[in-house]
Amino acid sequence: MNIAVLGTGMVGRAVAARLHELGHTVVVGTRDPGATLARTEPDQMGNPPYAVWQEAHRGIDLATFAGAAEVADLVVNASSGSVTFDVLRAAGAENLAGKVLLDIANPLDFSAGFPPTLSVKDTDSLAEQVQRAYPEVRVVKALNTLNADLMVEPKSLGASSTVFVSGEDPSAKAEVVALLESFGHDDVIDLGGIETARGTEMLLPLWLRLMGALGTPHFNIKVVR
């Protein structure tokens, strides 16, 4: 499958690398490929510059957001929630129409420092806003409740854990579930329509407190029934 991953941060890199490992053709989207490759300093999380990462992942191409989305069968929104709409506008509605958009982003607001609050909650969600703004896109919310490494290598925990999907299009959700299962996720719960993404996005305050209490982001939730 041809997959565009929009975002060059740690989430985008982790997802792109795993998809390529699984045999997909992957293009990572960025605002300005030249500027992205020209950076020589680590990012704010201490990750090496993208050019260093790409050198180790030569089979993954880099393009503009629009260039990546145009050639994709499925698009992954691996941007931060605060810039999601800028990224999608740059990708172009015409390049996204009719395609599955796996939305991993969270509406985190760091304006008051850490831990962040949510910029949208309770009566709306980022995923719903994306779906309303792009009605021809088949939005599926998933993977926003765990860290980048566990998104793509859940078995590294050594135990089964749970991930969730939300979306209006059953075939789009089935496509995403198949992708999640290929990553190694063995417990995927379909919560229902896109409004159920409010629940998974609002898990982030709990996730952040758990990270602080455990001293690591390497954990996930298991729904026992």
C-alpha atoms as a PDB file:
ATOM      1  CA  MET A   1       0.000   0.000   0.000  1.00  0.00           C
ATOM      2  CA  ASN A   2       1.134   3.570  -0.655  1.00  0.00           C
ATOM      3  CA  ILE A   3       1.039   5.438   2.649  1.00  0.00           C
ATOM      4  CA  ALA A   4       1.750   9.080   3.451  1.00  0.00           C
ATOM      5  CA  VAL A   5       2.883   9.934   6.964  1.00  0.00           C
ATOM      6  CA  LEU A   6       2.378  13.632   7.671  1.00  0.00           C
ATOM      7  CA  GLY A   7       4.925  14.708  10.245  1.00  0.00           C
ATOM      8  CA  THR A   8       8.652  14.227  10.793  1.00  0.00           C
ATOM      9  CA  GLY A   9       8.696  14.010  14.592  1.00  0.00           C
ATOM     10  CA  MET A  10       9.145  10.908  16.703  1.00  0.00           C
ATOM     11  CA  VAL A  11       5.611   9.624  16.002  1.00  0.00           C
ATOM     12  CA  GLY A  12       5.929  10.121  12.254  1.00  0.00           C
ATOM     13  CA  ARG A  13       9.348   8.483  12.189  1.00  0.00           C
ATOM     14  CA  ALA A  14       8.231   5.479  14.246  1.00  0.00           C
ATOM     15  CA  VAL A  15       5.129   4.880  12.129  1.00  0.00           C
ATOM     16  CA  ALA A  16       6.935   5.409   8.832  1.00  0.00           C
ATOM     17  CA  ALA A  17       9.766   3.032   9.755  1.00  0.00           C
ATOM     18  CA  ARG A  18       7.368   0.280  10.859  1.00  0.00           C
ATOM     19  CA  LEU A  19       5.178   0.625   7.775  1.00  0.00           C
ATOM     20  CA  HIS A  20       8.227   0.402   5.527  1.00  0.00           C
ATOM     21  CA  GLU A  21       9.449  -2.642   7.455  1.00  0.00           C
ATOM     22  CA  LEU A  22       6.078  -4.280   6.775  1.00  0.00           C
ATOM     23  CA  GLY A  23       6.496  -3.758   3.033  1.00  0.00           C
ATOM     24  CA  HIS A  24       4.475  -0.611   2.404  1.00  0.00           C
ATOM     25  CA  THR A  25       5.658   2.212   0.171  1.00  0.00           C
ATOM     26  CA  VAL A  26       6.020   5.165   2.516  1.00  0.00           C
ATOM     27  CA  VAL A  27       6.440   8.880   1.856  1.00  0.00           C
ATOM     28  CA  VAL A  28       6.879  11.242   4.792  1.00  0.00           C
ATOM     29  CA  GLY A  29       5.342  14.684   4.373  1.00  0.00           C
ATOM     30  CA  THR A  30       6.849  17.918   5.636  1.00  0.00           C
ATOM     31  CA  ARG A  31       6.297  21.605   4.939  1.00  0.00           C
ATOM     32  CA  ASP A  32       9.666  22.194   3.270  1.00  0.00           C
ATOM     33  CA  PRO A  33      11.764  19.083   2.496  1.00  0.00           C
ATOM     34  CA  GLY A  34      14.889  21.134   1.866  1.00  0.00           C
ATOM     35  CA  ALA A  35      14.627  22.902   5.211  1.00  0.00           C
ATOM     36  CA  THR A  36      13.866  19.637   7.005  1.00  0.00           C
ATOM     37  CA  LEU A  37      16.962  17.964   5.564  1.00  0.00           C
ATOM     38  CA  ALA A  38      19.109  21.022   6.251  1.00  0.00           C
ATOM     39  CA  ARG A  39      18.535  20.960  10.025  1.00  0.00           C
ATOM     40  CA  THR A  40      21.584  19.813  11.964  1.00  0.00           C
ATOM     41  CA  GLU A  41      20.439  20.236  15.575  1.00  0.00           C
ATOM     42  CA  PRO A  42      18.415  17.726  17.610  1.00  0.00           C
ATOM     43  CA  ASP A  43      14.737  18.577  18.032  1.00  0.00           C
ATOM     44  CA  GLN A  44      13.231  19.798  21.311  1.00  0.00           C
ATOM     45  CA  MET A  45      12.855  16.172  22.454  1.00  0.00           C
ATOM     46  CA  GLY A  46      16.517  15.466  21.813  1.00  0.00           C
ATOM     47  CA  ASN A  47      15.901  13.350  18.725  1.00  0.00           C
ATOM     48  CA  PRO A  48      18.579  13.544  16.013  1.00  0.00           C
ATOM     49  CA  PRO A  49      17.860  15.728  12.974  1.00  0.00           C
ATOM     50  CA  TYR A  50      15.687  14.195  10.284  1.00  0.00           C
ATOM     51  CA  ALA A  51      18.588  13.846   7.823  1.00  0.00           C
ATOM     52  CA  VAL A  52      20.349  11.493  10.237  1.00  0.00           C
ATOM     53  CA  TRP A  53      17.208   9.393  10.590  1.00  0.00           C
ATOM     54  CA  GLN A  54      16.640   9.317   6.829  1.00  0.00           C
ATOM     55  CA  GLU A  55      20.171   8.108   6.228  1.00  0.00           C
ATOM     56  CA  ALA A  56      19.232   5.015   8.220  1.00  0.00           C
ATOM     57  CA  HIS A  57      15.888   4.673   6.395  1.00  0.00           C
ATOM     58  CA  ARG A  58      16.824   5.229   2.765  1.00  0.00           C
ATOM     59  CA  GLY A  59      13.771   3.442   1.422  1.00  0.00           C
ATOM     60  CA  ILE A  60      11.454   6.136   2.807  1.00  0.00           C
ATOM     61  CA  ASP A  61      11.000   9.230   0.662  1.00  0.00           C
ATOM     62  CA  LEU A  62      10.474  12.792   1.868  1.00  0.00           C
ATOM     63  CA  ALA A  63       8.098  15.179   0.098  1.00  0.00           C
ATOM     64  CA  THR A  64       5.876  18.157   0.743  1.00  0.00           C
ATOM     65  CA  PHE A  65       2.637  17.457   2.569  1.00  0.00           C
ATOM     66  CA  ALA A  66       0.764  17.769  -0.737  1.00  0.00           C
ATOM     67  CA  GLY A  67       3.238  15.598  -2.617  1.00  0.00           C
ATOM     68  CA  ALA A  68       3.040  12.858  -0.017  1.00  0.00           C
ATOM     69  CA  ALA A  69      -0.767  12.903   0.208  1.00  0.00           C
ATOM     70  CA  GLU A  70      -1.274  12.989  -3.547  1.00  0.00           C
ATOM     71  CA  VAL A  71       0.328   9.591  -4.164  1.00  0.00           C
ATOM     72  CA  ALA A  72      -1.063   7.874  -1.060  1.00  0.00           C
ATOM     73  CA  ASP A  73      -3.831   5.326  -0.659  1.00  0.00           C
ATOM     74  CA  LEU A  74      -3.918   5.981   3.089  1.00  0.00           C
ATOM     75  CA  VAL A  75      -2.740   9.042   5.012  1.00  0.00           C
ATOM     76  CA  VAL A  76      -1.480   9.149   8.608  1.00  0.00           C
ATOM     77  CA  ASN A  77      -1.793  12.401  10.540  1.00  0.00           C
ATOM     78  CA  ALA A  78       1.292  12.178  12.746  1.00  0.00           C
ATOM     79  CA  SER A  79       1.461  15.926  13.349  1.00  0.00           C
ATOM     80  CA  SER A  80       0.854  17.550  16.720  1.00  0.00           C
ATOM     81  CA  GLY A  81      -2.735  18.575  17.342  1.00  0.00           C
ATOM     82  CA  SER A  82      -1.885  22.266  17.452  1.00  0.00           C
ATOM     83  CA  VAL A  83      -0.768  22.251  13.805  1.00  0.00           C
ATOM     84  CA  THR A  84      -3.057  19.547  12.418  1.00  0.00           C
ATOM     85  CA  PHE A  85      -5.196  21.926  10.376  1.00  0.00           C
ATOM     86  CA  ASP A  86      -2.173  23.748   8.985  1.00  0.00           C
ATOM     87  CA  VAL A  87      -0.768  20.388   7.904  1.00  0.00           C
ATOM     88  CA  LEU A  88      -4.023  19.199   6.340  1.00  0.00           C
ATOM     89  CA  ARG A  89      -4.495  22.477   4.481  1.00  0.00           C
ATOM     90  CA  ALA A  90      -0.974  22.115   3.115  1.00  0.00           C
ATOM     91  CA  ALA A  91      -1.724  18.510   2.121  1.00  0.00           C
ATOM     92  CA  GLY A  92      -4.738  19.748   0.139  1.00  0.00           C
ATOM     93  CA  ALA A  93      -8.371  18.681   0.347  1.00  0.00           C
ATOM     94  CA  GLU A  94      -8.197  17.367  -3.214  1.00  0.00           C
ATOM     95  CA  ASN A  95      -5.323  15.037  -2.244  1.00  0.00           C
ATOM     96  CA  LEU A  96      -7.159  13.744   0.821  1.00  0.00           C
ATOM     97  CA  ALA A  97     -10.668  13.289  -0.604  1.00  0.00           C
ATOM     98  CA  GLY A  98     -11.952   9.734  -0.475  1.00  0.00           C
ATOM     99  CA  LYS A  99      -8.918   8.457   1.428  1.00  0.00           C
ATOM    100  CA  VAL A 100      -8.619   6.949   4.876  1.00  0.00           C
ATOM    101  CA  LEU A 101      -6.992   9.375   7.317  1.00  0.00           C
ATOM    102  CA  LEU A 102      -5.577   7.669  10.379  1.00  0.00           C
ATOM    103  CA  ASP A 103      -5.581  10.490  12.928  1.00  0.00           C
ATOM    104  CA  ILE A 104      -3.075   9.976  15.748  1.00  0.00           C
ATOM    105  CA  ALA A 105      -2.899  13.606  16.898  1.00  0.00           C
ATOM    106  CA  ASN A 106      -3.997  14.910  20.283  1.00  0.00           C
ATOM    107  CA  PRO A 107      -5.299  18.453  21.012  1.00  0.00           C
ATOM    108  CA  LEU A 108      -2.633  19.234  23.610  1.00  0.00           C
ATOM    109  CA  ASP A 109      -2.290  22.831  24.795  1.00  0.00           C
ATOM    110  CA  PHE A 110       1.132  23.650  26.261  1.00  0.00           C
ATOM    111  CA  SER A 111       0.455  27.381  26.666  1.00  0.00           C
ATOM    112  CA  ALA A 112       0.437  27.065  30.469  1.00  0.00           C
ATOM    113  CA  GLY A 113       3.396  24.701  30.573  1.00  0.00           C
ATOM    114  CA  PHE A 114       3.557  21.020  31.486  1.00  0.00           C
ATOM    115  CA  PRO A 115       1.473  18.978  31.865  1.00  0.00           C
ATOM    116  CA  PRO A 116      -0.613  20.293  28.975  1.00  0.00           C
ATOM    117  CA  THR A 117      -4.361  20.712  28.991  1.00  0.00           C
ATOM    118  CA  LEU A 118      -6.714  19.850  26.125  1.00  0.00           C
ATOM    119  CA  SER A 119      -7.687  22.586  23.679  1.00  0.00           C
ATOM    120  CA  VAL A 120     -10.925  20.763  22.866  1.00  0.00           C
ATOM    121  CA  LYS A 121     -12.843  18.310  25.036  1.00  0.00           C
ATOM    122  CA  ASP A 122     -16.189  17.180  26.451  1.00  0.00           C
ATOM    123  CA  THR A 123     -18.498  18.253  23.615  1.00  0.00           C
ATOM    124  CA  ASP A 124     -16.083  17.953  20.696  1.00  0.00           C
ATOM    125  CA  SER A 125     -12.777  16.405  19.682  1.00  0.00           C
ATOM    126  CA  LEU A 126      -9.962  17.094  17.275  1.00  0.00           C
ATOM    127  CA  ALA A 127     -10.989  14.074  15.217  1.00  0.00           C
ATOM    128  CA  GLU A 128     -14.547  15.395  14.872  1.00  0.00           C
ATOM    129  CA  GLN A 129     -13.239  18.790  13.841  1.00  0.00           C
ATOM    130  CA  VAL A 130     -11.117  17.164  11.154  1.00  0.00           C
ATOM    131  CA  GLN A 131     -14.064  15.120   9.916  1.00  0.00           C
ATOM    132  CA  ARG A 132     -16.298  18.198   9.739  1.00  0.00           C
ATOM    133  CA  ALA A 133     -13.635  20.213   7.927  1.00  0.00           C
ATOM    134  CA  TYR A 134     -12.969  17.395   5.448  1.00  0.00           C
ATOM    135  CA  PRO A 135     -16.285  15.555   4.960  1.00  0.00           C
ATOM    136  CA  GLU A 136     -14.952  13.592   1.977  1.00  0.00           C
ATOM    137  CA  VAL A 137     -12.123  12.143   4.052  1.00  0.00           C
ATOM    138  CA  ARG A 138     -12.690   8.894   5.943  1.00  0.00           C
ATOM    139  CA  VAL A 139     -11.260   9.811   9.347  1.00  0.00           C
ATOM    140  CA  VAL A 140     -10.352   7.097  11.831  1.00  0.00           C
ATOM    141  CA  LYS A 141      -9.009   7.981  15.263  1.00  0.00           C
ATOM    142  CA  ALA A 142      -6.544   5.471  16.690  1.00  0.00           C
ATOM    143  CA  LEU A 143      -3.165   5.040  18.391  1.00  0.00           C
ATOM    144  CA  ASN A 144      -3.376   8.370  20.258  1.00  0.00           C
ATOM    145  CA  THR A 145      -3.427   6.676  23.682  1.00  0.00           C
ATOM    146  CA  LEU A 146       0.128   5.316  23.823  1.00  0.00           C
ATOM    147  CA  ASN A 147       3.652   6.394  23.008  1.00  0.00           C
ATOM    148  CA  ALA A 148       5.288   6.175  19.593  1.00  0.00           C
ATOM    149  CA  ASP A 149       7.308   3.029  20.252  1.00  0.00           C
ATOM    150  CA  LEU A 150       4.301   1.081  21.517  1.00  0.00           C
ATOM    151  CA  MET A 151       2.120   2.308  18.659  1.00  0.00           C
ATOM    152  CA  VAL A 152       4.204   0.237  16.287  1.00  0.00           C
ATOM    153  CA  GLU A 153       5.742  -2.446  18.560  1.00  0.00           C
ATOM    154  CA  PRO A 154       3.072  -3.236  21.171  1.00  0.00           C
ATOM    155  CA  LYS A 155       4.493  -6.678  21.902  1.00  0.00           C
ATOM    156  CA  SER A 156       7.578  -5.050  23.413  1.00  0.00           C
ATOM    157  CA  LEU A 157       5.486  -4.682  26.577  1.00  0.00           C
ATOM    158  CA  GLY A 158       5.464  -8.455  26.950  1.00  0.00           C
ATOM    159  CA  ALA A 159       1.707  -8.495  27.544  1.00  0.00           C
ATOM    160  CA  SER A 160      -1.472  -7.797  25.626  1.00  0.00           C
ATOM    161  CA  SER A 161      -2.848  -4.251  25.845  1.00  0.00           C
ATOM    162  CA  THR A 162      -5.752  -2.358  24.299  1.00  0.00           C
ATOM    163  CA  VAL A 163      -6.080   0.211  21.543  1.00  0.00           C
ATOM    164  CA  PHE A 164      -9.207   1.877  20.199  1.00  0.00           C
ATOM    165  CA  VAL A 165     -10.678   3.008  16.894  1.00  0.00           C
ATOM    166  CA  SER A 166     -13.367   5.623  16.246  1.00  0.00           C
ATOM    167  CA  GLY A 167     -14.876   6.613  12.915  1.00  0.00           C
ATOM    168  CA  GLU A 168     -17.967   6.828  10.742  1.00  0.00           C
ATOM    169  CA  ASP A 169     -16.869   4.561   7.869  1.00  0.00           C
ATOM    170  CA  PRO A 170     -16.859   0.812   8.676  1.00  0.00           C
ATOM    171  CA  SER A 171     -14.565  -0.062   5.760  1.00  0.00           C
ATOM    172  CA  ALA A 172     -12.105   2.651   6.786  1.00  0.00           C
ATOM    173  CA  LYS A 173     -12.063   1.312  10.333  1.00  0.00           C
ATOM    174  CA  ALA A 174     -11.541  -2.224   9.038  1.00  0.00           C
ATOM    175  CA  GLU A 175      -8.567  -1.006   7.007  1.00  0.00           C
ATOM    176  CA  VAL A 176      -7.057   0.686  10.051  1.00  0.00           C
ATOM    177  CA  VAL A 177      -7.703  -2.337  12.276  1.00  0.00           C
ATOM    178  CA  ALA A 178      -5.877  -4.555   9.785  1.00  0.00           C
ATOM    179  CA  LEU A 179      -2.954  -2.130   9.898  1.00  0.00           C
ATOM    180  CA  LEU A 180      -2.953  -2.114  13.696  1.00  0.00           C
ATOM    181  CA  GLU A 181      -3.000  -5.907  13.767  1.00  0.00           C
ATOM    182  CA  SER A 182      -0.040  -5.982  11.404  1.00  0.00           C
ATOM    183  CA  PHE A 183       1.820  -3.845  13.971  1.00  0.00           C
ATOM    184  CA  GLY A 184       1.061  -6.544  16.557  1.00  0.00           C
ATOM    185  CA  HIS A 185      -1.986  -5.131  18.331  1.00  0.00           C
ATOM    186  CA  ASP A 186      -4.156  -8.049  19.446  1.00  0.00           C
ATOM    187  CA  ASP A 187      -6.921  -6.192  21.314  1.00  0.00           C
ATOM    188  CA  VAL A 188      -8.572  -3.477  19.227  1.00  0.00           C
ATOM    189  CA  ILE A 189     -11.908  -2.097  20.447  1.00  0.00           C
ATOM    190  CA  ASP A 190     -14.173  -0.292  17.995  1.00  0.00           C
ATOM    191  CA  LEU A 191     -15.800   2.429  20.094  1.00  0.00           C
ATOM    192  CA  GLY A 192     -18.244   3.520  17.377  1.00  0.00           C
ATOM    193  CA  GLY A 193     -18.660   6.794  15.517  1.00  0.00           C
ATOM    194  CA  ILE A 194     -16.167   9.616  15.315  1.00  0.00           C
ATOM    195  CA  GLU A 195     -17.677  11.359  18.365  1.00  0.00           C
ATOM    196  CA  THR A 196     -16.263   8.553  20.517  1.00  0.00           C
ATOM    197  CA  ALA A 197     -12.807  10.018  19.849  1.00  0.00           C
ATOM    198  CA  ARG A 198     -13.698  12.454  22.640  1.00  0.00           C
ATOM    199  CA  GLY A 199     -13.103   9.594  25.050  1.00  0.00           C
ATOM    200  CA  THR A 200      -9.724   8.523  23.729  1.00  0.00           C
ATOM    201  CA  GLU A 201      -8.476  12.095  23.405  1.00  0.00           C
ATOM    202  CA  MET A 202      -9.565  12.769  26.986  1.00  0.00           C
ATOM    203  CA  LEU A 203      -7.477   9.809  28.140  1.00  0.00           C
ATOM    204  CA  LEU A 204      -4.398  11.980  27.647  1.00  0.00           C
ATOM    205  CA  PRO A 205      -4.557  13.740  31.044  1.00  0.00           C
ATOM    206  CA  LEU A 206      -4.625  10.297  32.700  1.00  0.00           C
ATOM    207  CA  TRP A 207      -1.821   9.047  30.439  1.00  0.00           C
ATOM    208  CA  LEU A 208       0.367  12.013  31.362  1.00  0.00           C
ATOM    209  CA  ARG A 209      -0.182  11.469  35.107  1.00  0.00           C
ATOM    210  CA  LEU A 210       0.574   7.765  34.713  1.00  0.00           C
ATOM    211  CA  MET A 211       3.805   8.613  32.930  1.00  0.00           C
ATOM    212  CA  GLY A 212       4.766  10.860  35.831  1.00  0.00           C
ATOM    213  CA  ALA A 213       3.870   8.244  38.447  1.00  0.00           C
ATOM    214  CA  LEU A 214       5.593   5.373  36.622  1.00  0.00           C
ATOM    215  CA  GLY A 215       8.589   7.372  35.463  1.00  0.00           C
ATOM    216  CA  THR A 216       8.315   5.979  31.941  1.00  0.00           C
ATOM    217  CA  PRO A 217       6.095   6.320  28.837  1.00  0.00           C
ATOM    218  CA  HIS A 218       6.483   2.590  28.154  1.00  0.00           C
ATOM    219  CA  PHE A 219       3.064   1.411  29.332  1.00  0.00           C
ATOM    220  CA  ASN A 220      -0.462   0.960  28.034  1.00  0.00           C
ATOM    221  CA  ILE A 221      -3.983   0.306  29.253  1.00  0.00           C
ATOM    222  CA  LYS A 222      -5.642  -3.112  29.116  1.00  0.00           C
ATOM    223  CA  VAL A 223      -9.426  -3.390  29.131  1.00  0.00           C
ATOM    224  CA  VAL A 224     -10.228  -6.583  31.041  1.00  0.00           C
ATOM    225  CA  ARG A 225     -13.689  -7.987  30.399  1.00  0.00           C
END
